């Protein structure tokens, strides 16, 4: 028996839509619908390697402030930003993932960029997201991507908006990092541990 194709009607004209590579498409209204969400497609924020599933996946946010982690055929995680309790930026030693073989190395280098492959990059930036599930359990997932800081900032910003603190520059959700910092004794600015001069005032750090 052949596969039964799901029917999708255009929300504008009500006519049956055709299934194309981008999703369901209405030629009359030039309108596309994502077959998984039933809504217009959303441009992914980035591609990340999900440690828990050992997969390369698309990361995006919908208009309802949900963090969606998906591939082309299914949604693996759909997390409301209001349920996120913690964000932790860090790094993972890529050699520790050697057990899963060359395929994973290829995925990681594809995500972290060609520069990672050519320079023999040892560490990959990570973002650990801790959230409460619909059943009330606390769980977490870890993304490996160079966009980890950007994702953390966006989630934190959305949390602020959802709590009504639109003007608040800092989020209510804690963002921590495993990366050590050292402070300038002249201006108090944070600097990387290997910095010789302050990034803010330019004076030599003792």
Protein backbone atom coordinates (compact mmCIF):
# COMPACT_ATOMS: atom_id res chain seq x y z
CA UNK A 1 0.00 0.00 0.00
CA UNK A 2 1.15 3.50 -0.80
CA UNK A 3 1.69 6.16 1.84
CA UNK A 4 -1.43 8.21 2.56
CA UNK A 5 -0.63 11.90 2.23
CA UNK A 6 -2.11 14.18 4.88
CA UNK A 7 -4.41 16.82 3.41
CA UNK A 8 -3.78 20.46 4.29
CA UNK A 9 -6.16 23.27 3.36
CA UNK A 10 -4.95 26.79 2.77
CA UNK A 11 -6.08 29.01 5.68
CA UNK A 12 -6.53 31.91 3.23
CA UNK A 13 -8.56 30.45 0.36
CA UNK A 14 -9.55 27.05 1.78
CA UNK A 15 -8.23 25.07 -1.18
CA UNK A 16 -6.09 21.93 -0.88
CA UNK A 17 -2.37 22.66 -0.63
CA UNK A 18 0.39 20.74 -2.43
CA UNK A 19 3.23 19.11 -0.53
CA UNK A 20 6.58 20.51 -1.70
CA UNK A 21 10.11 20.51 -0.22
CA UNK A 22 9.41 23.62 1.88
CA UNK A 23 6.12 22.27 3.25
CA UNK A 24 2.49 22.58 2.15
CA UNK A 25 2.12 25.22 -0.55
CA UNK A 26 -0.84 27.15 -1.99
CA UNK A 27 -0.04 28.39 -5.49
CA UNK A 28 -3.05 30.75 -5.56
CA UNK A 29 -2.04 32.67 -2.43
CA UNK A 30 1.72 31.92 -2.55
CA UNK A 31 1.47 30.64 1.03
CA UNK A 32 3.58 27.95 2.74
CA UNK A 33 2.73 25.94 5.87
CA UNK A 34 5.17 23.84 7.92
CA UNK A 35 3.81 20.23 7.90
CA UNK A 36 4.91 19.68 11.53
CA UNK A 37 3.51 22.83 13.12
CA UNK A 38 0.68 23.77 10.73
CA UNK A 39 2.04 27.33 10.73
CA UNK A 40 4.22 29.35 8.33
CA UNK A 41 7.86 28.16 8.44
CA UNK A 42 10.20 29.89 10.88
CA UNK A 43 13.82 30.57 9.99
CA UNK A 44 16.09 28.57 12.37
CA UNK A 45 18.30 30.52 14.75
CA UNK A 46 21.11 28.05 14.13
CA UNK A 47 22.07 24.40 13.82
CA UNK A 48 23.34 22.70 16.98
CA UNK A 49 24.55 19.28 18.06
CA UNK A 50 22.27 17.93 20.81
CA UNK A 51 24.43 15.86 23.17
CA UNK A 52 21.55 13.84 24.60
CA UNK A 53 20.47 12.60 21.16
CA UNK A 54 23.83 12.80 19.35
CA UNK A 55 22.11 14.57 16.46
CA UNK A 56 22.57 17.72 14.42
CA UNK A 57 19.29 19.67 14.74
CA UNK A 58 17.67 23.01 13.92
CA UNK A 59 17.06 25.43 16.79
CA UNK A 60 14.23 27.97 16.47
CA UNK A 61 11.70 30.02 18.43
CA UNK A 62 8.02 30.31 17.51
CA UNK A 63 5.69 33.27 18.04
CA UNK A 64 4.44 31.72 21.30
CA UNK A 65 7.93 31.90 22.82
CA UNK A 66 8.63 28.20 22.56
CA UNK A 67 12.13 26.84 22.00
CA UNK A 68 11.79 24.20 19.29
CA UNK A 69 14.50 21.64 18.53
CA UNK A 70 13.75 19.65 15.39
CA UNK A 71 15.01 17.93 12.28
CA UNK A 72 13.27 17.88 8.89
CA UNK A 73 10.75 15.20 9.88
CA UNK A 74 10.00 15.60 13.59
CA UNK A 75 10.10 17.92 16.61
CA UNK A 76 12.28 16.41 19.36
CA UNK A 77 11.79 19.14 21.97
CA UNK A 78 9.19 21.89 22.31
CA UNK A 79 9.93 23.89 25.46
CA UNK A 80 8.04 26.98 26.61
CA UNK A 81 10.58 29.65 27.54
CA UNK A 82 8.64 30.34 30.77
CA UNK A 83 9.47 26.77 31.91
CA UNK A 84 13.24 27.29 31.54
CA UNK A 85 14.87 27.64 34.97
CA UNK A 86 18.55 27.83 34.16
CA UNK A 87 21.10 28.44 31.42
CA UNK A 88 24.74 27.44 31.70
CA UNK A 89 27.38 28.36 29.14
CA UNK A 90 30.43 26.15 28.96
CA UNK A 91 32.73 24.13 26.73
CA UNK A 92 33.09 20.48 25.87
CA UNK A 93 36.23 18.70 24.79
CA UNK A 94 35.40 17.40 21.33
CA UNK A 95 37.79 14.48 21.71
CA UNK A 96 35.49 13.18 24.47
CA UNK A 97 32.90 12.49 21.76
CA UNK A 98 35.21 10.21 19.77
CA UNK A 99 33.26 7.13 20.87
CA UNK A 100 30.50 7.96 18.40
CA UNK A 101 32.95 8.08 15.53
CA UNK A 102 33.72 10.03 12.41
CA UNK A 103 30.10 10.86 11.59
CA UNK A 104 29.75 12.88 14.80
CA UNK A 105 33.05 14.64 14.18
CA UNK A 106 31.77 15.65 10.75
CA UNK A 107 28.53 16.98 12.24
CA UNK A 108 30.39 19.00 14.87
CA UNK A 109 32.83 20.49 12.40
CA UNK A 110 29.88 21.37 10.15
CA UNK A 111 28.17 23.15 13.06
CA UNK A 112 31.25 24.86 14.48
CA UNK A 113 32.52 25.92 11.06
CA UNK A 114 35.26 25.00 8.63
CA UNK A 115 37.75 26.89 10.80
CA UNK A 116 37.25 24.27 13.51
CA UNK A 117 38.30 21.49 11.16
CA UNK A 118 41.29 23.32 9.73
CA UNK A 119 42.57 24.53 13.11
CA UNK A 120 41.97 21.23 14.88
CA UNK A 121 39.59 22.92 17.33
CA UNK A 122 39.65 21.10 20.66
CA UNK A 123 36.66 22.62 22.45
CA UNK A 124 33.11 23.38 21.38
CA UNK A 125 30.92 26.03 23.09
CA UNK A 126 27.90 24.56 24.90
CA UNK A 127 24.61 25.78 26.32
CA UNK A 128 22.96 23.64 28.99
CA UNK A 129 19.24 24.41 29.33
CA UNK A 130 17.40 23.28 32.47
CA UNK A 131 13.61 23.33 32.37
CA UNK A 132 10.45 21.91 33.93
CA UNK A 133 8.53 19.38 31.81
CA UNK A 134 4.73 19.23 31.53
CA UNK A 135 4.75 16.42 34.10
CA UNK A 136 6.60 18.64 36.60
CA UNK A 137 9.99 16.93 36.27
CA UNK A 138 13.19 18.96 36.04
CA UNK A 139 15.36 17.98 33.08
CA UNK A 140 18.08 19.45 30.90
CA UNK A 141 19.51 19.34 27.41
CA UNK A 142 22.90 20.47 26.12
CA UNK A 143 23.54 22.13 22.76
CA UNK A 144 26.98 22.36 21.13
CA UNK A 145 27.13 25.43 18.89
CA UNK A 146 29.16 28.61 18.38
CA UNK A 147 25.82 30.43 18.78
CA UNK A 148 25.48 29.28 22.41
CA UNK A 149 25.90 32.81 23.91
CA UNK A 150 23.40 34.26 21.42
CA UNK A 151 20.83 31.56 22.25
CA UNK A 152 21.30 32.18 26.00
CA UNK A 153 20.76 35.91 25.53
CA UNK A 154 17.65 35.37 23.41
CA UNK A 155 16.07 32.95 25.90
CA UNK A 156 16.88 35.32 28.76
CA UNK A 157 15.38 38.24 26.84
CA UNK A 158 12.19 36.32 26.06
CA UNK A 159 11.88 35.38 29.74
CA UNK A 160 12.04 39.07 30.61
CA UNK A 161 9.36 39.93 28.06
CA UNK A 162 7.07 37.16 29.27
CA UNK A 163 7.34 38.39 32.86
CA UNK A 164 6.48 41.94 31.77
CA UNK A 165 9.95 43.42 32.40
CA UNK A 166 10.41 44.66 28.84
CA UNK A 167 12.86 47.38 29.81
CA UNK A 168 14.95 45.17 32.09
CA UNK A 169 18.44 44.77 30.58
CA UNK A 170 19.11 41.62 32.56
CA UNK A 171 16.96 38.48 32.50
CA UNK A 172 15.22 36.87 35.43
CA UNK A 173 16.53 33.46 34.40
CA UNK A 174 20.08 32.89 35.70
CA UNK A 175 22.80 32.64 33.07
CA UNK A 176 25.98 31.10 34.42
CA UNK A 177 29.22 30.16 32.79
CA UNK A 178 31.97 27.69 33.50
CA UNK A 179 34.51 30.06 31.98
CA UNK A 180 36.72 31.82 34.55
CA UNK A 181 37.21 35.61 34.48
CA UNK A 182 39.65 38.02 36.07
CA UNK A 183 38.88 41.61 36.99
CA UNK A 184 40.76 44.81 36.17
CA UNK A 185 41.99 46.51 39.36
CA UNK A 186 41.60 49.95 37.76
CA UNK A 187 38.07 49.88 36.31
CA UNK A 188 36.68 46.57 37.64
CA UNK A 189 35.82 45.20 34.17
CA UNK A 190 35.73 41.43 33.57
CA UNK A 191 38.45 40.03 31.33
CA UNK A 192 39.45 36.60 30.07
CA UNK A 193 41.91 34.76 32.28
CA UNK A 194 44.65 34.93 29.63
CA UNK A 195 44.25 38.70 28.98
CA UNK A 196 47.32 40.89 29.64
CA UNK A 197 45.49 44.18 29.13
CA UNK A 198 41.99 45.27 30.15
CA UNK A 199 39.49 45.11 27.30
CA UNK A 200 37.68 48.18 28.68
CA UNK A 201 40.32 50.68 29.88
CA UNK A 202 43.39 49.21 28.16
CA UNK A 203 45.57 49.19 31.28
CA UNK A 204 47.86 46.28 32.07
CA UNK A 205 46.25 43.65 34.26
CA UNK A 206 48.47 42.52 37.10
